[in-house]
PDB file of N, CA and C in Angstrom:
ATOM      1  N   MET A   1       0.842  -1.178   0.000  1.00  0.00           N
ATOM      2  CA  MET A   1       0.000   0.000   0.000  1.00  0.00           C
ATOM      3  C   MET A   1       0.891   1.245   0.000  1.00  0.00           C
ATOM      4  N   ALA A   2       0.617   2.166  -0.890  1.00  0.00           N
ATOM      5  CA  ALA A   2       1.416   3.387  -0.997  1.00  0.00           C
ATOM      6  C   ALA A   2       1.076   4.348   0.130  1.00  0.00           C
ATOM      7  N   ARG A   3       2.081   5.023   0.627  1.00  0.00           N
ATOM      8  CA  ARG A   3       1.880   6.011   1.689  1.00  0.00           C
ATOM      9  C   ARG A   3       1.934   7.403   1.090  1.00  0.00           C
ATOM     10  N   ALA A   4       1.099   8.274   1.597  1.00  0.00           N
ATOM     11  CA  ALA A   4       1.100   9.661   1.135  1.00  0.00           C
ATOM     12  C   ALA A   4       2.336  10.367   1.665  1.00  0.00           C
ATOM     13  N   LEU A   5       2.922  11.152   0.837  1.00  0.00           N
ATOM     14  CA  LEU A   5       4.097  11.917   1.215  1.00  0.00           C
ATOM     15  C   LEU A   5       3.643  13.207   1.885  1.00  0.00           C
ATOM     16  N   ALA A   6       4.080  13.435   3.101  1.00  0.00           N
ATOM     17  CA  ALA A   6       3.696  14.646   3.841  1.00  0.00           C
ATOM     18  C   ALA A   6       4.684  15.760   3.512  1.00  0.00           C
ATOM     19  N   LEU A   7       4.198  16.776   2.846  1.00  0.00           N
ATOM     20  CA  LEU A   7       5.040  17.914   2.496  1.00  0.00           C
ATOM     21  C   LEU A   7       4.690  19.094   3.386  1.00  0.00           C
ATOM     22  N   PRO A   8       5.669  19.874   3.791  1.00  0.00           N
ATOM     23  CA  PRO A   8       5.360  21.050   4.614  1.00  0.00           C
ATOM     24  C   PRO A   8       4.598  22.082   3.786  1.00  0.00           C
ATOM     25  N   VAL A   9       3.674  22.745   4.429  1.00  0.00           N
ATOM     26  CA  VAL A   9       2.910  23.799   3.772  1.00  0.00           C
ATOM     27  C   VAL A   9       3.611  25.120   4.030  1.00  0.00           C
ATOM     28  N   THR A  10       3.890  25.842   2.967  1.00  0.00           N
ATOM     29  CA  THR A  10       4.525  27.145   3.125  1.00  0.00           C
ATOM     30  C   THR A  10       3.584  28.225   2.633  1.00  0.00           C
ATOM     31  N   ASP A  11       3.635  29.342   3.286  1.00  0.00           N
ATOM     32  CA  ASP A  11       2.814  30.493   2.933  1.00  0.00           C
ATOM     33  C   ASP A  11       3.743  31.516   2.294  1.00  0.00           C
ATOM     34  N   ASN A  12       3.591  31.730   0.998  1.00  0.00           N
ATOM     35  CA  ASN A  12       4.505  32.601   0.264  1.00  0.00           C
ATOM     36  C   ASN A  12       4.023  34.043   0.151  1.00  0.00           C
ATOM     37  N   ARG A  13       3.140  34.460   1.040  1.00  0.00           N
ATOM     38  CA  ARG A  13       2.673  35.850   0.997  1.00  0.00           C
ATOM     39  C   ARG A  13       3.822  36.794   1.322  1.00  0.00           C
ATOM     40  N   ALA A  14       3.793  37.947   0.686  1.00  0.00           N
ATOM     41  CA  ALA A  14       4.825  38.955   0.951  1.00  0.00           C
ATOM     42  C   ALA A  14       4.646  39.565   2.334  1.00  0.00           C
ATOM     43  N   LEU A  15       3.386  39.684   2.786  1.00  0.00           N
ATOM     44  CA  LEU A  15       3.093  40.270   4.093  1.00  0.00           C
ATOM     45  C   LEU A  15       2.346  39.267   4.959  1.00  0.00           C
ATOM     46  N   ALA A  16       2.705  39.226   6.228  1.00  0.00           N
ATOM     47  CA  ALA A  16       1.995  38.359   7.171  1.00  0.00           C
ATOM     48  C   ALA A  16       0.602  38.918   7.413  1.00  0.00           C
ATOM     49  N   ARG A  17      -0.312  38.043   7.765  1.00  0.00           N
ATOM     50  CA  ARG A  17      -1.677  38.470   8.085  1.00  0.00           C
ATOM     51  C   ARG A  17      -1.815  38.617   9.591  1.00  0.00           C
ATOM     52  N   ASP A  18      -2.650  39.561  10.009  1.00  0.00           N
ATOM     53  CA  ASP A  18      -2.953  39.765  11.425  1.00  0.00           C
ATOM     54  C   ASP A  18      -4.366  39.280  11.689  1.00  0.00           C
ATOM     55  N   GLU A  19      -4.536  38.470  12.746  1.00  0.00           N
ATOM     56  CA  GLU A  19      -5.863  37.975  13.130  1.00  0.00           C
ATOM     57  C   GLU A  19      -6.660  39.120  13.734  1.00  0.00           C
ATOM     58  N   VAL A  20      -7.884  39.362  13.223  1.00  0.00           N
ATOM     59  CA  VAL A  20      -8.668  40.483  13.729  1.00  0.00           C
ATOM     60  C   VAL A  20     -10.092  40.115  14.161  1.00  0.00           C
ATOM     61  N   HIS A  21     -10.759  39.214  13.479  1.00  0.00           N
ATOM     62  CA  HIS A  21     -12.159  38.842  13.777  1.00  0.00           C
ATOM     63  C   HIS A  21     -13.017  40.090  13.973  1.00  0.00           C
ATOM     64  N   TYR A  22     -13.198  40.824  12.885  1.00  0.00           N
ATOM     65  CA  TYR A  22     -13.891  42.114  12.905  1.00  0.00           C
ATOM     66  C   TYR A  22     -15.081  42.076  11.947  1.00  0.00           C
ATOM     67  N   ARG A  23     -16.249  42.514  12.433  1.00  0.00           N
ATOM     68  CA  ARG A  23     -17.448  42.566  11.579  1.00  0.00           C
ATOM     69  C   ARG A  23     -17.437  43.854  10.761  1.00  0.00           C
ATOM     70  N   ALA A  24     -17.635  43.690   9.456  1.00  0.00           N
ATOM     71  CA  ALA A  24     -17.611  44.839   8.548  1.00  0.00           C
ATOM     72  C   ALA A  24     -18.781  44.760   7.572  1.00  0.00           C
ATOM     73  N   ARG A  25     -19.130  45.914   7.031  1.00  0.00           N
ATOM     74  CA  ARG A  25     -20.171  45.995   6.001  1.00  0.00           C
ATOM     75  C   ARG A  25     -19.483  46.125   4.647  1.00  0.00           C
ATOM     76  N   ALA A  26     -20.113  45.523   3.661  1.00  0.00           N
ATOM     77  CA  ALA A  26     -19.573  45.592   2.306  1.00  0.00           C
ATOM     78  C   ALA A  26     -20.725  45.639   1.317  1.00  0.00           C
ATOM     79  N   PHE A  27     -20.385  45.936   0.083  1.00  0.00           N
ATOM     80  CA  PHE A  27     -21.341  45.870  -1.014  1.00  0.00           C
ATOM     81  C   PHE A  27     -20.759  44.950  -2.068  1.00  0.00           C
ATOM     82  N   GLY A  28     -21.573  43.989  -2.502  1.00  0.00           N
ATOM     83  CA  GLY A  28     -21.139  43.040  -3.512  1.00  0.00           C
ATOM     84  C   GLY A  28     -21.187  43.636  -4.906  1.00  0.00           C
ATOM     85  N   PRO A  29     -20.862  42.827  -5.915  1.00  0.00           N
ATOM     86  CA  PRO A  29     -20.858  43.316  -7.297  1.00  0.00           C
ATOM     87  C   PRO A  29     -22.245  43.740  -7.778  1.00  0.00           C
ATOM     88  N   ASP A  30     -23.289  43.232  -7.124  1.00  0.00           N
ATOM     89  CA  ASP A  30     -24.664  43.599  -7.472  1.00  0.00           C
ATOM     90  C   ASP A  30     -25.151  44.805  -6.664  1.00  0.00           C
ATOM     91  N   ALA A  31     -24.252  45.435  -5.900  1.00  0.00           N
ATOM     92  CA  ALA A  31     -24.527  46.612  -5.060  1.00  0.00           C
ATOM     93  C   ALA A  31     -25.418  46.306  -3.859  1.00  0.00           C
ATOM     94  N   ARG A  32     -25.629  45.041  -3.569  1.00  0.00           N
ATOM     95  CA  ARG A  32     -26.394  44.675  -2.372  1.00  0.00           C
ATOM     96  C   ARG A  32     -25.467  44.649  -1.164  1.00  0.00           C
ATOM     97  N   PRO A  33     -25.984  45.113  -0.006  1.00  0.00           N
ATOM     98  CA  PRO A  33     -25.150  45.085   1.202  1.00  0.00           C
ATOM     99  C   PRO A  33     -24.938  43.657   1.696  1.00  0.00           C
ATOM    100  N   VAL A  34     -23.780  43.423   2.267  1.00  0.00           N
ATOM    101  CA  VAL A  34     -23.440  42.117   2.823  1.00  0.00           C
ATOM    102  C   VAL A  34     -22.622  42.332   4.094  1.00  0.00           C
ATOM    103  N   SER A  35     -22.831  41.460   5.070  1.00  0.00           N
ATOM    104  CA  SER A  35     -22.036  41.498   6.303  1.00  0.00           C
ATOM    105  C   SER A  35     -20.867  40.534   6.163  1.00  0.00           C
ATOM    106  N   LEU A  36     -19.710  40.981   6.570  1.00  0.00           N
ATOM    107  CA  LEU A  36     -18.508  40.149   6.545  1.00  0.00           C
ATOM    108  C   LEU A  36     -17.950  40.018   7.953  1.00  0.00           C
ATOM    109  N   LEU A  37     -17.349  38.895   8.233  1.00  0.00           N
ATOM    110  CA  LEU A  37     -16.527  38.745   9.425  1.00  0.00           C
ATOM    111  C   LEU A  37     -15.098  38.630   8.913  1.00  0.00           C
ATOM    112  N   ILE A  38     -14.341  39.702   9.049  1.00  0.00           N
ATOM    113  CA  ILE A  38     -12.952  39.686   8.592  1.00  0.00           C
ATOM    114  C   ILE A  38     -12.152  38.887   9.608  1.00  0.00           C
ATOM    115  N   VAL A  39     -11.564  37.800   9.157  1.00  0.00           N
ATOM    116  CA  VAL A  39     -10.819  36.894  10.032  1.00  0.00           C
ATOM    117  C   VAL A  39      -9.373  37.351  10.157  1.00  0.00           C
ATOM    118  N   ASN A  40      -8.757  37.658   9.025  1.00  0.00           N
ATOM    119  CA  ASN A  40      -7.393  38.175   9.079  1.00  0.00           C
ATOM    120  C   ASN A  40      -7.191  39.216   7.993  1.00  0.00           C
ATOM    121  N   LEU A  41      -6.126  39.992   8.173  1.00  0.00           N
ATOM    122  CA  LEU A  41      -5.945  41.181   7.353  1.00  0.00           C
ATOM    123  C   LEU A  41      -4.463  41.472   7.184  1.00  0.00           C
ATOM    124  N   SER A  42      -4.108  42.012   6.028  1.00  0.00           N
ATOM    125  CA  SER A  42      -2.785  42.603   5.818  1.00  0.00           C
ATOM    126  C   SER A  42      -3.013  43.917   5.085  1.00  0.00           C
ATOM    127  N   ALA A  43      -1.961  44.644   4.820  1.00  0.00           N
ATOM    128  CA  ALA A  43      -2.101  45.907   4.099  1.00  0.00           C
ATOM    129  C   ALA A  43      -2.505  45.685   2.644  1.00  0.00           C
ATOM    130  N   MET A  44      -2.440  44.428   2.177  1.00  0.00           N
ATOM    131  CA  MET A  44      -2.741  44.134   0.776  1.00  0.00           C
ATOM    132  C   MET A  44      -3.937  43.217   0.562  1.00  0.00           C
ATOM    133  N   GLY A  45      -4.518  42.686   1.637  1.00  0.00           N
ATOM    134  CA  GLY A  45      -5.634  41.767   1.439  1.00  0.00           C
ATOM    135  C   GLY A  45      -6.239  41.297   2.739  1.00  0.00           C
ATOM    136  N   LEU A  46      -7.234  40.417   2.601  1.00  0.00           N
ATOM    137  CA  LEU A  46      -7.924  39.915   3.787  1.00  0.00           C
ATOM    138  C   LEU A  46      -8.601  38.585   3.499  1.00  0.00           C
ATOM    139  N   MET A  47      -8.904  37.873   4.568  1.00  0.00           N
ATOM    140  CA  MET A  47      -9.760  36.698   4.490  1.00  0.00           C
ATOM    141  C   MET A  47     -10.968  36.992   5.355  1.00  0.00           C
ATOM    142  N   ALA A  48     -12.149  36.642   4.851  1.00  0.00           N
ATOM    143  CA  ALA A  48     -13.378  36.915   5.591  1.00  0.00           C
ATOM    144  C   ALA A  48     -14.353  35.761   5.428  1.00  0.00           C
ATOM    145  N   ARG A  49     -15.330  35.732   6.305  1.00  0.00           N
ATOM    146  CA  ARG A  49     -16.458  34.813   6.175  1.00  0.00           C
ATOM    147  C   ARG A  49     -17.627  35.619   5.634  1.00  0.00           C
ATOM    148  N   ALA A  50     -18.325  35.030   4.661  1.00  0.00           N
ATOM    149  CA  ALA A  50     -19.470  35.701   4.042  1.00  0.00           C
ATOM    150  C   ALA A  50     -20.575  34.681   3.815  1.00  0.00           C
ATOM    151  N   ASP A  51     -21.814  35.097   4.072  1.00  0.00           N
ATOM    152  CA  ASP A  51     -22.958  34.211   3.856  1.00  0.00           C
ATOM    153  C   ASP A  51     -23.355  34.137   2.387  1.00  0.00           C
ATOM    154  N   VAL A  52     -22.958  35.120   1.614  1.00  0.00           N
ATOM    155  CA  VAL A  52     -23.318  35.186   0.199  1.00  0.00           C
ATOM    156  C   VAL A  52     -22.177  34.592  -0.621  1.00  0.00           C
ATOM    157  N   PRO A  53     -22.482  33.657  -1.530  1.00  0.00           N
ATOM    158  CA  PRO A  53     -21.409  33.097  -2.364  1.00  0.00           C
ATOM    159  C   PRO A  53     -20.990  34.077  -3.461  1.00  0.00           C
ATOM    160  N   TYR A  54     -19.710  34.222  -3.639  1.00  0.00           N
ATOM    161  CA  TYR A  54     -19.169  35.078  -4.688  1.00  0.00           C
ATOM    162  C   TYR A  54     -18.207  34.267  -5.539  1.00  0.00           C
ATOM    163  N   ALA A  55     -18.018  34.712  -6.772  1.00  0.00           N
ATOM    164  CA  ALA A  55     -17.114  34.033  -7.699  1.00  0.00           C
ATOM    165  C   ALA A  55     -15.768  34.756  -7.739  1.00  0.00           C
ATOM    166  N   VAL A  56     -14.737  33.995  -8.017  1.00  0.00           N
ATOM    167  CA  VAL A  56     -13.399  34.565  -8.171  1.00  0.00           C
ATOM    168  C   VAL A  56     -13.449  35.643  -9.253  1.00  0.00           C
ATOM    169  N   GLY A  57     -12.822  36.766  -8.974  1.00  0.00           N
ATOM    170  CA  GLY A  57     -12.790  37.874  -9.921  1.00  0.00           C
ATOM    171  C   GLY A  57     -13.821  38.954  -9.634  1.00  0.00           C
ATOM    172  N   GLU A  58     -14.856  38.612  -8.854  1.00  0.00           N
ATOM    173  CA  GLU A  58     -15.842  39.630  -8.502  1.00  0.00           C
ATOM    174  C   GLU A  58     -15.216  40.619  -7.526  1.00  0.00           C
ATOM    175  N   ARG A  59     -15.827  41.811  -7.455  1.00  0.00           N
ATOM    176  CA  ARG A  59     -15.264  42.872  -6.628  1.00  0.00           C
ATOM    177  C   ARG A  59     -16.234  43.257  -5.526  1.00  0.00           C
ATOM    178  N   LEU A  60     -15.673  43.555  -4.362  1.00  0.00           N
ATOM    179  CA  LEU A  60     -16.439  44.018  -3.211  1.00  0.00           C
ATOM    180  C   LEU A  60     -15.947  45.402  -2.816  1.00  0.00           C
ATOM    181  N   ARG A  61     -16.863  46.198  -2.291  1.00  0.00           N
ATOM    182  CA  ARG A  61     -16.513  47.489  -1.678  1.00  0.00           C
ATOM    183  C   ARG A  61     -16.718  47.294  -0.184  1.00  0.00           C
ATOM    184  N   ILE A  62     -15.636  47.343   0.582  1.00  0.00           N
ATOM    185  CA  ILE A  62     -15.654  47.022   2.006  1.00  0.00           C
ATOM    186  C   ILE A  62     -15.375  48.291   2.808  1.00  0.00           C
ATOM    187  N   THR A  63     -16.232  48.545   3.804  1.00  0.00           N
ATOM    188  CA  THR A  63     -16.039  49.710   4.666  1.00  0.00           C
ATOM    189  C   THR A  63     -15.205  49.304   5.876  1.00  0.00           C
ATOM    190  N   LEU A  64     -14.073  49.977   6.041  1.00  0.00           N
ATOM    191  CA  LEU A  64     -13.156  49.704   7.149  1.00  0.00           C
ATOM    192  C   LEU A  64     -12.987  50.969   7.981  1.00  0.00           C
ATOM    193  N   PRO A  65     -12.749  50.810   9.296  1.00  0.00           N
ATOM    194  CA  PRO A  65     -12.452  51.993  10.101  1.00  0.00           C
ATOM    195  C   PRO A  65     -11.143  52.634   9.625  1.00  0.00           C
ATOM    196  N   VAL A  66     -10.981  53.883   9.910  1.00  0.00           N
ATOM    197  CA  VAL A  66      -9.774  54.668   9.606  1.00  0.00           C
ATOM    198  C   VAL A  66      -9.625  54.956   8.105  1.00  0.00           C
ATOM    199  N   VAL A  67      -9.639  53.933   7.258  1.00  0.00           N
ATOM    200  CA  VAL A  67      -9.359  54.127   5.829  1.00  0.00           C
ATOM    201  C   VAL A  67     -10.606  54.299   4.975  1.00  0.00           C
ATOM    202  N   GLY A  68     -11.777  53.994   5.512  1.00  0.00           N
ATOM    203  CA  GLY A  68     -13.012  54.146   4.744  1.00  0.00           C
ATOM    204  C   GLY A  68     -13.276  52.961   3.829  1.00  0.00           C
ATOM    205  N   VAL A  69     -13.781  53.239   2.637  1.00  0.00           N
ATOM    206  CA  VAL A  69     -14.158  52.181   1.692  1.00  0.00           C
ATOM    207  C   VAL A  69     -12.943  51.763   0.870  1.00  0.00           C
ATOM    208  N   VAL A  70     -12.707  50.450   0.834  1.00  0.00           N
ATOM    209  CA  VAL A  70     -11.656  49.889  -0.012  1.00  0.00           C
ATOM    210  C   VAL A  70     -12.313  48.953  -1.016  1.00  0.00           C
ATOM    211  N   VAL A  71     -11.713  48.845  -2.183  1.00  0.00           N
ATOM    212  CA  VAL A  71     -12.211  47.937  -3.215  1.00  0.00           C
ATOM    213  C   VAL A  71     -11.278  46.737  -3.248  1.00  0.00           C
ATOM    214  N   ALA A  72     -11.885  45.542  -3.271  1.00  0.00           N
ATOM    215  CA  ALA A  72     -11.095  44.317  -3.238  1.00  0.00           C
ATOM    216  C   ALA A  72     -11.612  43.330  -4.277  1.00  0.00           C
ATOM    217  N   GLU A  73     -10.696  42.592  -4.877  1.00  0.00           N
ATOM    218  CA  GLU A  73     -11.042  41.550  -5.843  1.00  0.00           C
ATOM    219  C   GLU A  73     -10.973  40.193  -5.163  1.00  0.00           C
ATOM    220  N   LEU A  74     -12.002  39.375  -5.370  1.00  0.00           N
ATOM    221  CA  LEU A  74     -12.004  38.025  -4.818  1.00  0.00           C
ATOM    222  C   LEU A  74     -10.966  37.178  -5.542  1.00  0.00           C
ATOM    223  N   ARG A  75     -10.053  36.600  -4.777  1.00  0.00           N
ATOM    224  CA  ARG A  75      -9.014  35.746  -5.347  1.00  0.00           C
ATOM    225  C   ARG A  75      -9.358  34.277  -5.180  1.00  0.00           C
ATOM    226  N   TRP A  76     -10.144  33.959  -4.118  1.00  0.00           N
ATOM    227  CA  TRP A  76     -10.594  32.584  -3.911  1.00  0.00           C
ATOM    228  C   TRP A  76     -11.825  32.589  -3.024  1.00  0.00           C
ATOM    229  N   SER A  77     -12.580  31.498  -3.087  1.00  0.00           N
ATOM    230  CA  SER A  77     -13.783  31.331  -2.278  1.00  0.00           C
ATOM    231  C   SER A  77     -13.923  29.851  -1.965  1.00  0.00           C
ATOM    232  N   LEU A  78     -14.144  29.534  -0.694  1.00  0.00           N
ATOM    233  CA  LEU A  78     -14.240  28.135  -0.290  1.00  0.00           C
ATOM    234  C   LEU A  78     -15.058  28.014   0.982  1.00  0.00           C
ATOM    235  N   GLY A  79     -16.189  27.332   0.908  1.00  0.00           N
ATOM    236  CA  GLY A  79     -16.988  27.019   2.088  1.00  0.00           C
ATOM    237  C   GLY A  79     -17.363  28.205   2.946  1.00  0.00           C
ATOM    238  N   GLY A  80     -17.792  29.300   2.342  1.00  0.00           N
ATOM    239  CA  GLY A  80     -18.193  30.467   3.115  1.00  0.00           C
ATOM    240  C   GLY A  80     -17.057  31.406   3.471  1.00  0.00           C
ATOM    241  N   ARG A  81     -15.840  31.053   3.084  1.00  0.00           N
ATOM    242  CA  ARG A  81     -14.689  31.931   3.311  1.00  0.00           C
ATOM    243  C   ARG A  81     -14.257  32.522   1.977  1.00  0.00           C
ATOM    244  N   ILE A  82     -13.796  33.758   2.022  1.00  0.00           N
ATOM    245  CA  ILE A  82     -13.305  34.406   0.811  1.00  0.00           C
ATOM    246  C   ILE A  82     -11.951  35.051   1.081  1.00  0.00           C
ATOM    247  N   GLY A  83     -11.123  35.040   0.076  1.00  0.00           N
ATOM    248  CA  GLY A  83      -9.843  35.732   0.135  1.00  0.00           C
ATOM    249  C   GLY A  83      -9.854  36.861  -0.867  1.00  0.00           C
ATOM    250  N   CYS A  84      -9.480  38.045  -0.433  1.00  0.00           N
ATOM    251  CA  CYS A  84      -9.549  39.234  -1.283  1.00  0.00           C
ATOM    252  C   CYS A  84      -8.205  39.940  -1.346  1.00  0.00           C
ATOM    253  N   GLU A  85      -7.905  40.469  -2.521  1.00  0.00           N
ATOM    254  CA  GLU A  85      -6.731  41.323  -2.703  1.00  0.00           C
ATOM    255  C   GLU A  85      -7.226  42.752  -2.887  1.00  0.00           C
ATOM    256  N   LEU A  86      -6.699  43.666  -2.107  1.00  0.00           N
ATOM    257  CA  LEU A  86      -7.106  45.063  -2.204  1.00  0.00           C
ATOM    258  C   LEU A  86      -6.559  45.690  -3.486  1.00  0.00           C
ATOM    259  N   ASP A  87      -7.370  46.545  -4.117  1.00  0.00           N
ATOM    260  CA  ASP A  87      -6.911  47.247  -5.321  1.00  0.00           C
ATOM    261  C   ASP A  87      -5.717  48.141  -5.010  1.00  0.00           C
ATOM    262  N   GLN A  88      -5.773  48.824  -3.874  1.00  0.00           N
ATOM    263  CA  GLN A  88      -4.690  49.704  -3.438  1.00  0.00           C
ATOM    264  C   GLN A  88      -4.244  49.271  -2.048  1.00  0.00           C
ATOM    265  N   PRO A  89      -2.953  49.034  -1.847  1.00  0.00           N
ATOM    266  CA  PRO A  89      -2.486  48.679  -0.501  1.00  0.00           C
ATOM    267  C   PRO A  89      -2.791  49.798   0.490  1.00  0.00           C
ATOM    268  N   ILE A  90      -3.032  49.419   1.726  1.00  0.00           N
ATOM    269  CA  ILE A  90      -3.273  50.395   2.786  1.00  0.00           C
ATOM    270  C   ILE A  90      -1.922  50.938   3.249  1.00  0.00           C
ATOM    271  N   ASP A  91      -1.813  52.258   3.327  1.00  0.00           N
ATOM    272  CA  ASP A  91      -0.602  52.907   3.823  1.00  0.00           C
ATOM    273  C   ASP A  91      -0.245  52.321   5.192  1.00  0.00           C
ATOM    274  N   LEU A  92       1.023  52.091   5.438  1.00  0.00           N
ATOM    275  CA  LEU A  92       1.456  51.407   6.655  1.00  0.00           C
ATOM    276  C   LEU A  92       1.012  52.110   7.936  1.00  0.00           C
ATOM    277  N   ALA A  93       1.115  53.428   7.999  1.00  0.00           N
ATOM    278  CA  ALA A  93       0.678  54.160   9.197  1.00  0.00           C
ATOM    279  C   ALA A  93      -0.822  53.982   9.405  1.00  0.00           C
ATOM    280  N   ASP A  94      -1.602  54.093   8.321  1.00  0.00           N
ATOM    281  CA  ASP A  94      -3.049  53.876   8.411  1.00  0.00           C
ATOM    282  C   ASP A  94      -3.367  52.433   8.792  1.00  0.00           C
ATOM    283  N   TYR A  95      -2.576  51.494   8.260  1.00  0.00           N
ATOM    284  CA  TYR A  95      -2.807  50.078   8.561  1.00  0.00           C
ATOM    285  C   TYR A  95      -2.664  49.811  10.060  1.00  0.00           C
ATOM    286  N   TYR A  96      -1.626  50.346  10.674  1.00  0.00           N
ATOM    287  CA  TYR A  96      -1.431  50.116  12.107  1.00  0.00           C
ATOM    288  C   TYR A  96      -2.541  50.756  12.934  1.00  0.00           C
ATOM    289  N   GLU A  97      -3.017  51.921  12.517  1.00  0.00           N
ATOM    290  CA  GLU A  97      -4.140  52.555  13.205  1.00  0.00           C
ATOM    291  C   GLU A  97      -5.416  51.730  13.016  1.00  0.00           C
ATOM    292  N   LEU A  98      -5.647  51.254  11.799  1.00  0.00           N
ATOM    293  CA  LEU A  98      -6.789  50.386  11.497  1.00  0.00           C
ATOM    294  C   LEU A  98      -6.746  49.122  12.343  1.00  0.00           C
ATOM    295  N   LEU A  99      -5.595  48.505  12.411  1.00  0.00           N
ATOM    296  CA  LEU A  99      -5.416  47.287  13.195  1.00  0.00           C
ATOM    297  C   LEU A  99      -5.718  47.535  14.669  1.00  0.00           C
ATOM    298  N   ALA A 100      -5.264  48.652  15.207  1.00  0.00           N
ATOM    299  CA  ALA A 100      -5.529  48.984  16.614  1.00  0.00           C
ATOM    300  C   ALA A 100      -7.025  49.121  16.868  1.00  0.00           C
ATOM    301  N   VAL A 101      -7.744  49.777  15.961  1.00  0.00           N
ATOM    302  CA  VAL A 101      -9.195  49.943  16.116  1.00  0.00           C
ATOM    303  C   VAL A 101      -9.897  48.589  16.051  1.00  0.00           C
ATOM    304  N   MET A 102      -9.510  47.755  15.097  1.00  0.00           N
ATOM    305  CA  MET A 102     -10.147  46.439  14.942  1.00  0.00           C
ATOM    306  C   MET A 102      -9.902  45.548  16.158  1.00  0.00           C
ATOM    307  N   LEU A 103      -8.691  45.559  16.661  1.00  0.00           N
ATOM    308  CA  LEU A 103      -8.373  44.706  17.808  1.00  0.00           C
ATOM    309  C   LEU A 103      -9.044  45.205  19.077  1.00  0.00           C
ATOM    310  N   LYS A 104      -9.198  46.512  19.207  1.00  0.00           N
ATOM    311  CA  LYS A 104      -9.876  47.077  20.375  1.00  0.00           C
ATOM    312  C   LYS A 104     -11.361  46.704  20.374  1.00  0.00           C
ATOM    313  N   ALA A 105     -11.940  46.559  19.190  1.00  0.00           N
ATOM    314  CA  ALA A 105     -13.369  46.246  19.055  1.00  0.00           C
ATOM    315  C   ALA A 105     -13.695  44.790  19.391  1.00  0.00           C
ATOM    316  N   ARG A 106     -12.676  43.950  19.528  1.00  0.00           N
ATOM    317  CA  ARG A 106     -12.937  42.515  19.787  1.00  0.00           C
ATOM    318  C   ARG A 106     -13.531  42.289  21.128  1.00  0.00           C
TER     319      ARG A 106
END
């Protein structure tokens, strides 16, 4: 019987993600409002839980504290979770302020 080869999983992201668990409002590609639970975040993207299924390539407008509305493209979707890449990276100073607000809200 053949054995499966266990390979280490590596995360090749340029920026580490910060765990936030923050509830946010967004608008989907159809302009309907949707609630998101942002699980983790970086200055360039995020992972969230969403009740509405979206397809890869669709765009969301997400309202975040400090920075306001950001536009993000769906890069993947799996079992109610979505991964998004922001159109414009969040400035580092704004990102740290945003992170502080999100973590305080937990």
